[in-house]
Amino acid sequence: MRKFIIGPMESKKHIHSLLDPALILNRIELPVIDGPFPHTPVMLAKLSCGLFGISDDLIEKYQSLDSLFIKNRYNTFFFEAAGDSMEPTIYQGQVLIVDRARKDFNGRVCAVEYEDKIICKRVLIKNDAIILRSDNQKYKDILVYNNESVNFWGIVIANAGYVK
């Protein structure tokens, strides 16, 4: 793997500037890989929101997001969250990764087909009723009896969104 250096150029004229700590911190070494880059690095350390940067020395291995979240590619689907009923767990615009192969619905956030719509709710199975609960307490529970008008579509296994 080759390395590409971003930062002050090294030359005889500017070699003394390399000793300046401000300029050293501005140098970043990035790996250059020929072809697609399918993996994301997994770091050894927590990400500090302070002044210190990340170094290649902290990369433990590269993690494929596909291998992390997609256990069966034919049963994994992506949805965009709409509305605020699942806040603070899920926010509008986040991408939801839904696994249709899993069947352990009770207590989990699920994609549920209810009244001809697919909605995202936490599923609670109690004796003879199913409760579809929003994590946002502004919304009331949906009670379903006899399983007739509900179809468990899949379990939300992860969500991703942009930091604002």
Protein backbone atom coordinates (compact mmCIF):
# COMPACT_ATOMS: atom_id res chain seq x y z
CA MET A 1 0.00 0.00 0.00
CA ARG A 2 1.35 3.44 -0.93
CA LYS A 3 0.92 6.49 1.29
CA PHE A 4 -0.07 9.93 0.13
CA ILE A 5 0.94 12.83 2.35
CA ILE A 6 -1.26 15.88 2.68
CA GLY A 7 0.42 18.89 4.23
CA PRO A 8 3.50 21.09 3.84
CA MET A 9 5.83 19.97 1.06
CA GLU A 10 9.25 18.79 2.16
CA SER A 11 12.06 20.63 0.40
CA LYS A 12 15.48 21.97 1.33
CA LYS A 13 14.00 25.46 1.65
CA HIS A 14 11.29 24.39 4.04
CA ILE A 15 13.01 21.59 5.99
CA HIS A 16 13.32 23.85 9.05
CA SER A 17 9.52 24.38 8.98
CA LEU A 18 9.00 20.65 9.55
CA LEU A 19 10.10 21.14 13.13
CA ASP A 20 7.25 23.58 13.72
CA PRO A 21 4.59 21.62 15.75
CA ALA A 22 1.72 23.51 14.08
CA LEU A 23 2.86 22.32 10.66
CA ILE A 24 3.53 18.76 11.84
CA LEU A 25 -0.06 18.52 13.12
CA ASN A 26 -1.31 19.64 9.69
CA ARG A 27 0.32 16.66 7.97
CA ILE A 28 -1.99 13.73 7.43
CA GLU A 29 -0.97 10.45 5.85
CA LEU A 30 -3.75 8.70 3.95
CA PRO A 31 -3.56 5.23 2.41
CA VAL A 32 -3.96 5.15 -1.35
CA ILE A 33 -5.57 1.95 -2.57
CA ASP A 34 -5.99 1.07 -6.21
CA GLY A 35 -9.57 0.01 -6.90
CA PRO A 36 -12.68 0.09 -4.70
CA PHE A 37 -12.34 0.65 -0.94
CA PRO A 38 -15.00 -1.64 0.59
CA HIS A 39 -13.85 -1.61 4.21
CA THR A 40 -13.94 0.91 7.03
CA PRO A 41 -11.09 0.96 9.59
CA VAL A 42 -11.81 -0.22 13.13
CA MET A 43 -9.89 1.85 15.65
CA LEU A 44 -8.15 0.59 18.79
CA ALA A 45 -8.97 3.71 20.76
CA LYS A 46 -12.10 5.72 21.51
CA LEU A 47 -12.57 8.86 19.43
CA SER A 48 -11.72 11.88 21.53
CA CYS A 49 -13.52 15.08 20.63
CA GLY A 50 -10.58 17.09 21.95
CA LEU A 51 -7.51 18.40 20.14
CA PHE A 52 -5.64 15.17 19.39
CA GLY A 53 -5.83 13.45 16.00
CA ILE A 54 -6.06 9.87 14.81
CA SER A 55 -3.03 7.98 13.59
CA ASP A 56 -2.65 4.92 11.37
CA ASP A 57 -0.96 3.34 14.41
CA LEU A 58 -4.39 3.07 16.06
CA ILE A 59 -6.01 1.10 13.23
CA GLU A 60 -6.56 -2.43 14.48
CA LYS A 61 -8.10 -3.85 11.32
CA TYR A 62 -10.49 -2.84 8.53
CA GLN A 63 -14.16 -3.59 9.07
CA SER A 64 -16.60 -4.19 6.25
CA LEU A 65 -19.96 -2.60 7.02
CA ASP A 66 -21.58 -5.30 4.89
CA SER A 67 -20.12 -8.09 7.04
CA LEU A 68 -21.01 -6.21 10.21
CA PHE A 69 -24.70 -5.58 9.46
CA ILE A 70 -25.76 -7.84 6.59
CA LYS A 71 -25.96 -11.45 7.73
CA ASN A 72 -28.17 -12.55 4.83
CA ARG A 73 -28.12 -10.23 1.85
CA TYR A 74 -31.43 -11.52 0.51
CA ASN A 75 -33.21 -10.71 3.80
CA THR A 76 -31.68 -7.30 4.54
CA PHE A 77 -33.46 -4.13 3.49
CA PHE A 78 -32.88 -0.39 3.93
CA PHE A 79 -35.55 2.18 4.79
CA GLU A 80 -35.47 5.91 5.46
CA ALA A 81 -37.05 6.89 8.78
CA ALA A 82 -39.95 9.33 8.54
CA GLY A 83 -41.53 11.18 11.45
CA ASP A 84 -40.59 11.58 15.10
CA SER A 85 -42.52 8.75 16.77
CA MET A 86 -39.37 6.69 17.48
CA GLU A 87 -37.22 9.50 18.88
CA PRO A 88 -34.83 9.40 20.73
CA THR A 89 -33.95 5.97 19.33
CA ILE A 90 -34.46 6.80 15.64
CA TYR A 91 -34.58 10.25 14.03
CA GLN A 92 -36.20 11.39 10.80
CA GLY A 93 -34.00 10.84 7.75
CA GLN A 94 -31.85 8.10 9.29
CA VAL A 95 -31.28 4.95 7.28
CA LEU A 96 -32.71 1.86 8.98
CA ILE A 97 -31.21 -1.56 8.31
CA VAL A 98 -33.94 -4.19 8.60
CA ASP A 99 -33.29 -7.93 8.82
CA ARG A 100 -36.27 -10.03 7.71
CA ALA A 101 -34.69 -13.35 8.68
CA ARG A 102 -34.73 -12.66 12.43
CA LYS A 103 -37.84 -13.64 14.37
CA ASP A 104 -37.10 -12.41 17.91
CA PHE A 105 -39.54 -9.48 17.70
CA ASN A 106 -40.56 -9.08 21.35
CA GLY A 107 -39.04 -5.92 22.87
CA ARG A 108 -37.28 -4.93 19.66
CA VAL A 109 -37.74 -2.06 17.23
CA CYS A 110 -39.36 -3.59 14.16
CA ALA A 111 -40.75 -2.81 10.75
CA VAL A 112 -44.38 -3.88 11.03
CA GLU A 113 -47.08 -4.01 8.38
CA TYR A 114 -50.16 -2.48 10.01
CA GLU A 115 -53.30 -1.36 8.17
CA ASP A 116 -51.60 -1.67 4.75
CA LYS A 117 -48.60 0.46 5.77
CA ILE A 118 -45.15 -0.50 6.96
CA ILE A 119 -44.40 1.37 10.18
CA CYS A 120 -41.52 1.36 12.64
CA LYS A 121 -42.48 0.57 16.25
CA ARG A 122 -41.19 -1.29 19.29
CA VAL A 123 -43.07 -4.62 19.52
CA LEU A 124 -44.27 -5.92 22.88
CA ILE A 125 -46.06 -9.26 22.93
CA LYS A 126 -48.34 -9.66 25.96
CA ASN A 127 -50.59 -12.70 26.42
CA ASP A 128 -53.38 -12.18 23.85
CA ALA A 129 -52.32 -8.75 22.55
CA ILE A 130 -49.51 -7.14 20.62
CA ILE A 131 -48.49 -3.62 21.60
CA LEU A 132 -46.87 -1.42 18.96
CA ARG A 133 -45.12 1.28 20.98
CA SER A 134 -43.46 4.51 19.93
CA ASP A 135 -40.29 5.42 21.82
CA ASN A 136 -41.50 9.04 21.77
CA GLN A 137 -43.97 9.32 24.65
CA LYS A 138 -46.07 11.89 22.75
CA TYR A 139 -47.63 8.97 20.86
CA LYS A 140 -50.11 6.41 22.18
CA ASP A 141 -49.62 2.66 21.96
CA ILE A 142 -51.34 0.73 19.20
CA LEU A 143 -53.04 -2.39 20.59
CA VAL A 144 -53.55 -5.30 18.23
CA TYR A 145 -55.63 -8.34 19.14
CA ASN A 146 -55.79 -11.71 17.34
CA ASN A 147 -52.76 -10.88 15.11
CA GLU A 148 -55.16 -10.23 12.23
CA SER A 149 -54.13 -6.74 11.20
CA VAL A 150 -50.39 -6.94 11.86
CA ASN A 151 -47.56 -8.63 9.99
CA PHE A 152 -44.03 -8.60 11.41
CA TRP A 153 -41.90 -7.48 8.49
CA GLY A 154 -38.44 -7.47 10.11
CA ILE A 155 -36.23 -6.24 12.94
CA VAL A 156 -34.37 -2.94 12.77
CA ILE A 157 -30.81 -4.04 13.52
CA ALA A 158 -29.07 -0.69 13.00
CA ASN A 159 -29.59 2.90 12.01
CA ALA A 160 -27.29 5.46 10.45
CA GLY A 161 -27.58 9.15 9.83
CA TYR A 162 -25.64 12.36 9.41
CA VAL A 163 -24.39 14.29 12.41
CA LYS A 164 -25.89 17.76 12.46
